[in-house]
Structures are given as structure tokens and as C-alpha cells.
Amino acid sequence: MSIADSGDQSVSLDIASAAAGRGPLAMEAISISKDFRLSRSQTLHAVREVSFGLYRGAVVALVGESGSGKSTVARLLAGQEPLTAGSIMLDGAPIDISTHGAFRRYKSAVQLVFQDPFSSLNPVHTVGYHLERPLRLHQASEKGRLERTGRPGKKEITALLKQVRLTPAEQFLPKYPYELSGGQRQRVSFARALAARPSVLLADEPVSMLDVSIRLEMLGLLDDLRRDFQLALLYITHDIASARYFADEVLVMYAGQIVERGPAEQLTQHPAHPYTQLLVASAPDPDNLGSTLRAGAKRDARAPEGANLAATGCPFSPRCPFADDRCREESPALRRVSPTRAAACWRLEIAAPEVLAGTPSLPDHGGVGT
């Protein structure tokens, strides 16, 4: 898989290949960017040159703070926002959503689960209606027609509820969203997404609105669905501790860019980028992941100064305790720090020498090809 740099070269990694049960590449984002025009003279670069792949049966976590561009990436992949630059491939072919029929076929393959289940479910419709409608729109019989009545059967609807562990299913069909708990509403959202029989599931902060006591249970449910249906799953979160538990690969996003990526366990145990170190240090993890944070970054964690959103320079340089003049003037590209890891930082030799230990010397200019 090729990861586009901000420079002229690329870093080639095969991070997801170690994931148990990984299937073929289902979706690939290639140097996707999204700009929003704020005024005649101002443009917000919400997503900049982001590339990654989603594999059947594997989980990729996109981690970052609020405003980093994570949800914008999800909307781009779901076809809800047009790309400014780059391309998206689905099953090896460029997506085409220029017509109504093509867009519906794409939405059958790519489903998005939102953060707040209460706002994503229509309060005037029952659970049964929320599941019947996508079944009717997306699912056809083997002969290419809807069922003879034009409406899915009750058996098919209740099967969806059982798949997300809402039982007895018959009792939930006539209920309205306001009659359900937050966890039950989110399970209905999962069931609605499964009704389209997707190959790719984009989960945008799916547990952040739920009680802490049931978050692990909901992640377990997502993991079971991913395995049972061989879904390619993008898990978007600000919680790097849950990403370590749940994902095969972690992409760390800051100010619209991927600043570090790698296998979940390696990245969270030995973070390389200073921003990743801050995320790990802030995670309430019983294994004390924050022990890998260097002293300078600890001081920075108490006094953040915002991001550098200028066209030049590292976006994290105002907050980075290791930044120098080069960091403020030149934007670093992703460079390989191991066969399966990459980070975008000029000062890795100082910020994370233990990560680079034993790694072949890295060129100063950024990208490393394989």
C-alpha cells in the first residue's frame, strides 16, 4: 500500500498484513484532501494528503483530538462530501457516484455509523421502520427483485436485531428511539447499517456518547460484527486507549494530516511522534502507557498553544517541545521508522530515540520508498 507524502516520494508499508483474518483490500483512500472556503481570502485545509487502506476483516483506527479532521475523512469516504483532491477506490475500482443508481450501489457497500444515535434516528419512526427501509432500498432477491410484497419480512428484520443482541427482538420493533437507552439506540444504528449488507463500515466515535460501563461491551459487539461479516472497519476515536484494544492499525491525525501510523500495540507502547506521545500520556490506561512520554513533552502537555495551520512548517510545531526553526519552516513528510511504522517529524532522533534504535538510518528529506 502506498502512502503519499507531502514531498515527492512515498513510504510503502504493509501494516495491516499482520492482522489476523485480514482479507482483501476493500477500500483505499489515495492522497485525499478537503478544503473549505471560509472567505474570499481564507481557506481551511481540513484534510491534507491522507492515504490508507481498509481490509476485509481488519480494523483501522483514526485517532486525534476534536477538529483534527477525522469526521471529515469519514464523510469523504461515505460520499457525503466531494473531494478537493485525491481519489477513493472501492474493490480496486475508482468510485463513481455521479448518478443516483451509482450512489445507491456505493451506499450499499459503504455504511456510516454516527456518533450520536439519538440524532441519527428519526424520532417519529419506530425501530421496525428504521430497519425495514434500508432493507427495502438496498436488498434485492437473488433474482434482482424485491420480495413479492415489496416489503421485507418480519423474520429478516428481527434477524438484524438479534445480530446486534437486542432480544427479544419482537419487543423492540414497535418502540420509538426515545423509548430506548443510549446503548440500545446505537445497536439499532449498527443494525440499520448491516441491513445494507456493506463491505465497509465507517464508525465515527460510535461509543463516545455512551456510558463508560457499556463502551467495552459495544466495542466487543463491533468486533464480532467485523469478524462475522468480514467487514473492513474504520474506527474513528479520540481515545487512543480504546484504539489499542480494538484496532489492528492506528493512524494518528493532527490538523488534517497523518502524523504517525503503525500497528496498534507497537504505536501505543512506543509512540514516536511527540503528538502521539501526548495522546498516550493522556490515556487513562491501567498499564501506564504514559511512561513512554519524554520529559519535554510532559511540560508541553500542560500548556498547549494550538496548531500551525500555515502552508509551511509542521502543524504541531507550536506545541512541540522539540521543535526548532526547521520545524516551523518546513513541513515534514511521513518517513519510515520500521517496516510497518511511519511518522512525520524532523526530530525523531531526539523525540523517540528508542523507536529508532536498530532502524536503518533515515534520510533527512522525508519519504523512504521500498
Protein backbone atom coordinates (compact mmCIF):
# COMPACT_ATOMS: atom_id res chain seq x y z
CA MET A 1 0.00 0.00 0.00
CA SER A 2 1.46 3.35 -0.96
CA ILE A 3 1.24 6.27 1.42
CA ALA A 4 1.50 9.62 -0.26
CA ASP A 5 3.98 12.03 1.28
CA SER A 6 3.80 15.77 1.41
CA GLY A 7 7.02 15.53 -0.59
CA ASP A 8 7.85 13.90 -3.90
CA GLN A 9 8.44 10.39 -2.59
CA SER A 10 6.31 7.82 -0.78
CA VAL A 11 6.53 5.47 2.12
CA SER A 12 5.41 1.92 1.43
CA LEU A 13 4.07 -0.02 4.39
CA ASP A 14 2.08 -3.21 4.77
CA ILE A 15 0.80 -2.64 8.28
CA ALA A 16 -2.50 -4.50 8.11
CA SER A 17 -0.92 -7.66 6.74
CA ALA A 18 -0.24 -8.92 10.25
CA ALA A 19 -3.90 -8.60 11.24
CA ALA A 20 -5.49 -11.94 11.98
CA GLY A 21 -8.19 -12.80 9.49
CA ARG A 22 -7.33 -9.92 7.18
CA GLY A 23 -8.98 -10.26 3.80
CA PRO A 24 -8.52 -8.41 0.52
CA LEU A 25 -8.31 -4.65 0.21
CA ALA A 26 -11.88 -3.32 0.25
CA MET A 27 -11.33 0.45 0.13
CA GLU A 28 -8.34 2.70 -0.43
CA ALA A 29 -8.02 6.44 0.06
CA ILE A 30 -5.26 7.89 -2.11
CA SER A 31 -3.95 11.35 -1.20
CA ILE A 32 -7.42 12.65 -0.37
CA SER A 33 -7.76 16.32 0.55
CA LYS A 34 -10.66 18.55 1.52
CA ASP A 35 -10.65 22.35 1.60
CA PHE A 36 -13.44 24.59 2.87
CA ARG A 37 -13.64 28.15 1.61
CA LEU A 38 -14.15 30.43 4.63
CA SER A 39 -13.98 33.71 2.76
CA ARG A 40 -12.59 35.13 -0.45
CA SER A 41 -9.12 35.15 1.08
CA GLN A 42 -9.29 32.29 3.60
CA THR A 43 -9.36 28.54 3.01
CA LEU A 44 -9.47 25.85 5.68
CA HIS A 45 -7.43 22.78 4.76
CA ALA A 46 -9.48 20.26 6.74
CA VAL A 47 -7.81 17.15 5.27
CA ARG A 48 -4.40 17.16 3.62
CA GLU A 49 -2.98 14.34 1.50
CA VAL A 50 -4.36 11.44 3.57
CA SER A 51 -3.83 7.88 2.31
CA PHE A 52 -4.66 4.49 3.82
CA GLY A 53 -6.35 1.20 3.03
CA LEU A 54 -9.20 -0.71 4.66
CA TYR A 55 -9.00 -4.51 4.50
CA ARG A 56 -11.81 -7.03 4.89
CA GLY A 57 -11.81 -8.37 8.43
CA ALA A 58 -9.37 -5.75 9.78
CA VAL A 59 -9.85 -2.61 11.88
CA VAL A 60 -8.09 0.69 11.21
CA ALA A 61 -8.40 3.32 13.96
CA LEU A 62 -8.20 7.00 13.06
CA VAL A 63 -7.20 8.82 16.25
CA GLY A 64 -6.95 12.52 17.04
CA GLU A 65 -8.39 15.39 19.03
CA SER A 66 -11.55 17.29 18.11
CA GLY A 67 -11.07 19.34 14.96
CA SER A 68 -8.26 17.19 13.58
CA GLY A 69 -10.29 16.18 10.51
CA LYS A 70 -11.33 12.64 11.47
CA SER A 71 -15.06 13.05 10.82
CA THR A 72 -14.35 14.89 7.57
CA VAL A 73 -12.40 11.84 6.39
CA ALA A 74 -15.41 9.66 7.23
CA ARG A 75 -17.78 11.92 5.29
CA LEU A 76 -15.44 11.88 2.30
CA LEU A 77 -15.28 8.09 2.32
CA ALA A 78 -19.07 7.87 2.73
CA GLY A 79 -19.63 10.11 -0.29
CA GLN A 80 -21.27 12.86 1.77
CA GLU A 81 -18.62 15.44 0.84
CA PRO A 82 -16.90 15.92 -2.53
CA LEU A 83 -13.13 15.55 -2.65
CA THR A 84 -10.96 18.59 -3.29
CA ALA A 85 -8.14 16.34 -4.47
CA GLY A 86 -7.20 12.67 -4.46
CA SER A 87 -9.26 9.57 -5.17
CA ILE A 88 -11.10 6.74 -3.44
CA MET A 89 -11.02 3.15 -4.66
CA LEU A 90 -13.66 0.55 -3.79
CA ASP A 91 -12.75 -3.08 -4.52
CA GLY A 92 -9.95 -1.88 -6.74
CA ALA A 93 -12.05 0.44 -8.91
CA PRO A 94 -12.48 4.23 -8.69
CA ILE A 95 -15.82 5.14 -7.17
CA ASP A 96 -18.50 6.64 -9.40
CA ILE A 97 -21.38 8.32 -7.59
CA SER A 98 -22.33 10.70 -10.38
CA THR A 99 -25.75 9.10 -10.85
CA HIS A 100 -28.49 8.17 -8.41
CA GLY A 101 -28.15 4.45 -9.12
CA ALA A 102 -24.35 4.51 -8.74
CA PHE A 103 -24.63 6.41 -5.46
CA ARG A 104 -27.14 3.89 -4.08
CA ARG A 105 -24.87 1.00 -5.01
CA TYR A 106 -21.97 2.75 -3.31
CA LYS A 107 -24.03 3.38 -0.16
CA SER A 108 -24.94 -0.30 -0.10
CA ALA A 109 -21.23 -1.14 0.11
CA VAL A 110 -20.15 1.69 2.43
CA GLN A 111 -22.14 2.50 5.56
CA LEU A 112 -21.53 5.20 8.16
CA VAL A 113 -22.47 4.92 11.86
CA PHE A 114 -22.71 8.30 13.56
CA GLN A 115 -21.57 9.38 17.00
CA ASP A 116 -24.98 10.33 18.43
CA PRO A 117 -27.61 7.62 17.85
CA PHE A 118 -30.44 9.83 19.10
CA SER A 119 -29.87 12.47 16.41
CA SER A 120 -29.23 9.90 13.67
CA LEU A 121 -32.54 8.07 14.22
CA ASN A 122 -35.82 9.71 13.21
CA PRO A 123 -37.84 10.20 16.44
CA VAL A 124 -41.21 9.83 14.69
CA HIS A 125 -40.49 6.34 13.32
CA THR A 126 -40.28 3.00 15.08
CA VAL A 127 -37.31 0.67 15.26
CA GLY A 128 -39.07 -1.61 12.78
CA TYR A 129 -39.36 1.22 10.24
CA HIS A 130 -35.68 2.18 10.65
CA LEU A 131 -34.68 -1.36 9.69
CA GLU A 132 -37.33 -2.05 7.07
CA ARG A 133 -36.45 0.99 4.99
CA PRO A 134 -32.77 0.14 4.27
CA LEU A 135 -33.73 -3.48 3.64
CA ARG A 136 -36.27 -2.33 1.08
CA LEU A 137 -33.90 0.16 -0.55
CA HIS A 138 -30.70 -1.85 -0.65
CA GLN A 139 -31.53 -5.52 -0.61
CA ALA A 140 -32.90 -7.36 -3.60
CA SER A 141 -33.63 -11.04 -4.02
CA GLU A 142 -31.28 -13.35 -5.87
CA LYS A 143 -33.37 -12.71 -8.99
CA GLY A 144 -32.70 -8.99 -8.72
CA ARG A 145 -36.17 -8.11 -7.41
CA LEU A 146 -37.56 -7.19 -4.04
CA GLU A 147 -39.75 -9.69 -2.30
CA ARG A 148 -43.14 -10.26 -3.86
CA THR A 149 -44.81 -7.86 -1.43
CA GLY A 150 -42.15 -5.20 -1.95
CA ARG A 151 -41.55 -5.20 1.80
CA PRO A 152 -39.00 -7.17 3.82
CA GLY A 153 -40.44 -9.82 6.08
CA LYS A 154 -40.57 -9.60 9.85
CA LYS A 155 -38.18 -12.52 10.09
CA GLU A 156 -35.47 -10.61 8.22
CA ILE A 157 -35.94 -7.51 10.39
CA THR A 158 -35.83 -9.40 13.67
CA ALA A 159 -32.70 -11.22 12.48
CA LEU A 160 -30.92 -7.86 12.31
CA LEU A 161 -31.88 -7.07 15.91
CA LYS A 162 -30.64 -10.44 17.05
CA GLN A 163 -27.32 -9.83 15.30
CA VAL A 164 -26.80 -6.71 17.44
CA ARG A 165 -28.04 -8.52 20.57
CA LEU A 166 -31.36 -6.73 21.03
CA THR A 167 -33.54 -9.54 22.32
CA PRO A 168 -36.33 -10.47 22.41
CA ALA A 169 -36.31 -8.76 19.03
CA GLU A 170 -40.10 -8.65 18.65
CA GLN A 171 -40.40 -6.33 21.64
CA PHE A 172 -38.17 -3.69 20.07
CA LEU A 173 -39.90 -3.43 16.67
CA PRO A 174 -42.75 -1.11 17.80
CA LYS A 175 -40.56 1.06 20.05
CA TYR A 176 -39.50 4.63 19.24
CA PRO A 177 -35.94 5.91 19.72
CA TYR A 178 -36.85 7.92 22.83
CA GLU A 179 -38.03 4.70 24.48
CA LEU A 180 -34.58 3.14 24.22
CA SER A 181 -31.39 3.63 26.19
CA GLY A 182 -28.32 5.14 24.52
CA GLY A 183 -26.73 1.72 24.06
CA GLN A 184 -29.91 0.26 22.58
CA ARG A 185 -30.21 3.16 20.14
CA GLN A 186 -26.64 2.65 18.98
CA ARG A 187 -27.33 -1.06 18.47
CA VAL A 188 -30.25 -0.07 16.24
CA SER A 189 -27.84 2.15 14.30
CA PHE A 190 -25.50 -0.83 13.84
CA ALA A 191 -28.42 -2.99 12.69
CA ARG A 192 -29.54 -0.32 10.21
CA ALA A 193 -26.03 -0.21 8.74
CA LEU A 194 -25.91 -4.01 8.46
CA ALA A 195 -29.25 -4.01 6.63
CA ALA A 196 -27.46 -2.76 3.51
CA ARG A 197 -25.01 -5.68 3.69
CA PRO A 198 -21.96 -3.43 3.41
CA SER A 199 -18.35 -4.44 2.88
CA VAL A 200 -17.05 -1.27 4.57
CA LEU A 201 -18.27 0.17 7.88
CA LEU A 202 -17.23 3.65 8.96
CA ALA A 203 -17.80 4.07 12.70
CA ASP A 204 -17.47 7.73 13.73
CA GLU A 205 -16.96 7.87 17.52
CA PRO A 206 -19.53 5.05 17.97
CA VAL A 207 -19.13 4.73 21.75
CA SER A 208 -18.23 8.23 22.92
CA MET A 209 -21.86 9.16 23.67
CA LEU A 210 -22.45 6.01 25.73
CA ASP A 211 -21.97 5.27 29.41
CA VAL A 212 -18.44 4.20 30.24
CA SER A 213 -19.80 0.96 31.70
CA ILE A 214 -21.05 -0.31 28.33
CA ARG A 215 -18.37 1.02 25.96
CA LEU A 216 -16.28 -2.12 26.14
CA GLU A 217 -19.38 -4.23 25.51
CA MET A 218 -20.23 -2.17 22.42
CA LEU A 219 -16.68 -2.46 21.08
CA GLY A 220 -16.94 -6.21 21.60
CA LEU A 221 -20.14 -6.22 19.56
CA LEU A 222 -18.46 -4.25 16.76
CA ASP A 223 -15.57 -6.68 16.81
CA ASP A 224 -17.94 -9.64 16.49
CA LEU A 225 -19.77 -7.99 13.59
CA ARG A 226 -16.47 -7.22 11.90
CA ARG A 227 -15.41 -10.84 12.19
CA ASP A 228 -18.77 -12.44 11.35
CA PHE A 229 -19.38 -10.32 8.23
CA GLN A 230 -15.71 -9.79 7.26
CA LEU A 231 -16.22 -6.03 7.34
CA ALA A 232 -13.48 -3.55 6.57
CA LEU A 233 -13.87 -1.28 9.59
CA LEU A 234 -12.69 2.30 10.11
CA TYR A 235 -12.95 3.17 13.80
CA ILE A 236 -12.76 6.91 14.45
CA THR A 237 -11.99 7.96 18.00
CA HIS A 238 -10.18 10.48 20.19
CA ASP A 239 -9.40 7.70 22.71
CA ILE A 240 -6.09 6.08 21.84
CA ALA A 241 -6.51 3.56 24.67
CA SER A 242 -9.59 2.04 23.03
CA ALA A 243 -7.80 2.08 19.68
CA ARG A 244 -5.02 0.00 21.20
CA TYR A 245 -7.57 -2.53 22.45
CA PHE A 246 -9.73 -2.64 19.33
CA ALA A 247 -7.70 -1.89 16.19
CA ASP A 248 -5.10 -3.66 14.10
CA GLU A 249 -3.59 -0.43 12.77
CA VAL A 250 -3.67 3.10 14.20
CA LEU A 251 -3.45 6.32 12.19
CA VAL A 252 -2.79 9.42 14.30
CA MET A 253 -4.25 12.58 12.77
CA TYR A 254 -3.40 16.18 13.64
CA ALA A 255 -4.54 19.34 11.84
CA GLY A 256 -5.79 17.34 8.86
CA GLN A 257 -2.64 15.26 8.39
CA ILE A 258 -1.48 11.78 9.33
CA VAL A 259 1.47 12.36 11.66
CA GLU A 260 2.09 8.74 12.68
CA ARG A 261 0.83 5.28 11.77
CA GLY A 262 1.60 1.72 12.71
CA PRO A 263 0.34 -1.49 14.35
CA ALA A 264 -1.82 -0.61 17.35
CA GLU A 265 0.24 -2.35 20.03
CA GLN A 266 3.59 -1.05 18.79
CA LEU A 267 2.41 2.51 18.30
CA THR A 268 0.75 2.85 21.70
CA GLN A 269 3.54 1.13 23.63
CA HIS A 270 6.33 3.06 21.89
CA PRO A 271 4.94 6.28 20.33
CA ALA A 272 7.35 8.10 18.05
CA HIS A 273 5.71 11.42 17.18
CA PRO A 274 5.53 13.98 20.02
CA TYR A 275 1.79 14.39 19.47
CA THR A 276 1.23 10.65 19.76
CA GLN A 277 3.24 10.74 22.98
CA LEU A 278 0.84 13.35 24.36
CA LEU A 279 -2.20 11.26 23.38
CA VAL A 280 -0.74 8.18 25.01
CA ALA A 281 0.15 10.10 28.18
CA SER A 282 -3.40 11.42 28.46
CA ALA A 283 -5.00 7.97 28.12
CA PRO A 284 -6.38 6.57 31.41
CA ASP A 285 -4.75 3.20 30.88
CA PRO A 286 -4.00 0.82 33.76
CA ASP A 287 -0.80 -0.34 32.10
CA ASN A 288 0.59 3.21 32.42
CA LEU A 289 1.23 3.84 28.75
CA GLY A 290 2.28 7.38 29.65
CA SER A 291 5.60 6.07 30.96
CA THR A 292 6.97 6.31 27.40
CA LEU A 293 6.42 10.07 27.27
CA ARG A 294 9.59 12.10 27.33
CA ALA A 295 10.07 14.85 29.91
CA GLY A 296 9.87 17.71 27.46
CA ALA A 297 6.54 16.53 26.08
CA LYS A 298 5.13 16.32 29.61
CA ARG A 299 5.78 20.01 30.09
CA ASP A 300 4.11 20.74 26.77
CA ALA A 301 1.00 18.73 27.73
CA ARG A 302 0.20 21.30 30.41
CA ALA A 303 0.39 24.31 28.08
CA PRO A 304 -0.81 23.63 24.52
CA GLU A 305 -0.54 26.55 22.12
CA GLY A 306 -2.71 25.42 19.21
CA ALA A 307 -1.79 24.21 15.76
CA ASN A 308 0.21 25.75 12.95
CA LEU A 309 -2.27 25.85 10.07
CA ALA A 310 0.02 27.71 7.70
CA ALA A 311 1.01 26.16 4.40
CA THR A 312 4.60 25.72 5.59
CA GLY A 313 6.02 24.16 8.70
CA CYS A 314 4.94 21.29 10.92
CA PRO A 315 1.37 21.84 12.20
CA PHE A 316 2.40 20.57 15.64
CA SER A 317 5.41 22.88 15.98
CA PRO A 318 3.71 25.45 18.29
CA ARG A 319 3.06 22.71 20.85
CA CYS A 320 6.12 20.54 20.33
CA PRO A 321 8.89 20.74 22.97
CA PHE A 322 11.44 19.52 20.41
CA ALA A 323 10.62 22.00 17.60
CA ASP A 324 13.37 24.06 16.00
CA ASP A 325 13.48 26.58 13.17
CA ARG A 326 13.28 23.88 10.52
CA CYS A 327 10.08 22.53 12.07
CA ARG A 328 8.50 25.97 11.84
CA GLU A 329 9.58 26.49 8.24
CA GLU A 330 9.35 23.08 6.54
CA SER A 331 6.51 20.56 6.68
CA PRO A 332 7.84 17.04 7.38
CA ALA A 333 6.70 14.11 5.27
CA LEU A 334 5.90 10.66 6.58
CA ARG A 335 9.09 8.64 6.81
CA ARG A 336 9.53 5.03 7.70
CA VAL A 337 10.82 4.25 11.19
CA SER A 338 10.39 0.47 10.82
CA PRO A 339 8.98 -1.87 8.15
CA THR A 340 5.46 -1.28 9.49
CA ARG A 341 5.62 2.20 11.04
CA ALA A 342 5.96 5.77 9.80
CA ALA A 343 5.97 9.22 11.39
CA ALA A 344 6.11 12.80 10.13
CA CYS A 345 8.68 14.54 12.32
CA TRP A 346 12.06 16.16 11.71
CA ARG A 347 13.22 15.49 15.28
CA LEU A 348 12.51 11.80 15.77
CA GLU A 349 16.13 11.15 16.74
CA ILE A 350 15.54 13.36 19.80
CA ALA A 351 11.82 12.79 20.41
CA ALA A 352 11.91 8.99 20.19
CA PRO A 353 15.44 7.56 20.01
CA GLU A 354 14.27 4.23 21.44
CA VAL A 355 11.89 3.78 18.47
CA LEU A 356 14.69 4.39 16.00
CA ALA A 357 17.13 2.08 17.80
CA GLY A 358 18.16 -0.65 15.42
CA THR A 359 16.41 1.01 12.47
CA PRO A 360 18.47 1.75 9.34
CA SER A 361 19.49 5.38 9.04
CA LEU A 362 16.73 7.57 7.64
CA PRO A 363 17.23 10.28 5.02
CA ASP A 364 16.58 13.81 6.23
CA HIS A 365 14.33 14.69 3.30
CA GLY A 366 11.37 12.56 4.40
CA GLY A 367 9.93 9.78 2.27
CA VAL A 368 11.52 6.36 2.00
CA GLY A 369 10.45 4.01 -0.76
CA THR A 370 10.61 0.23 -0.67
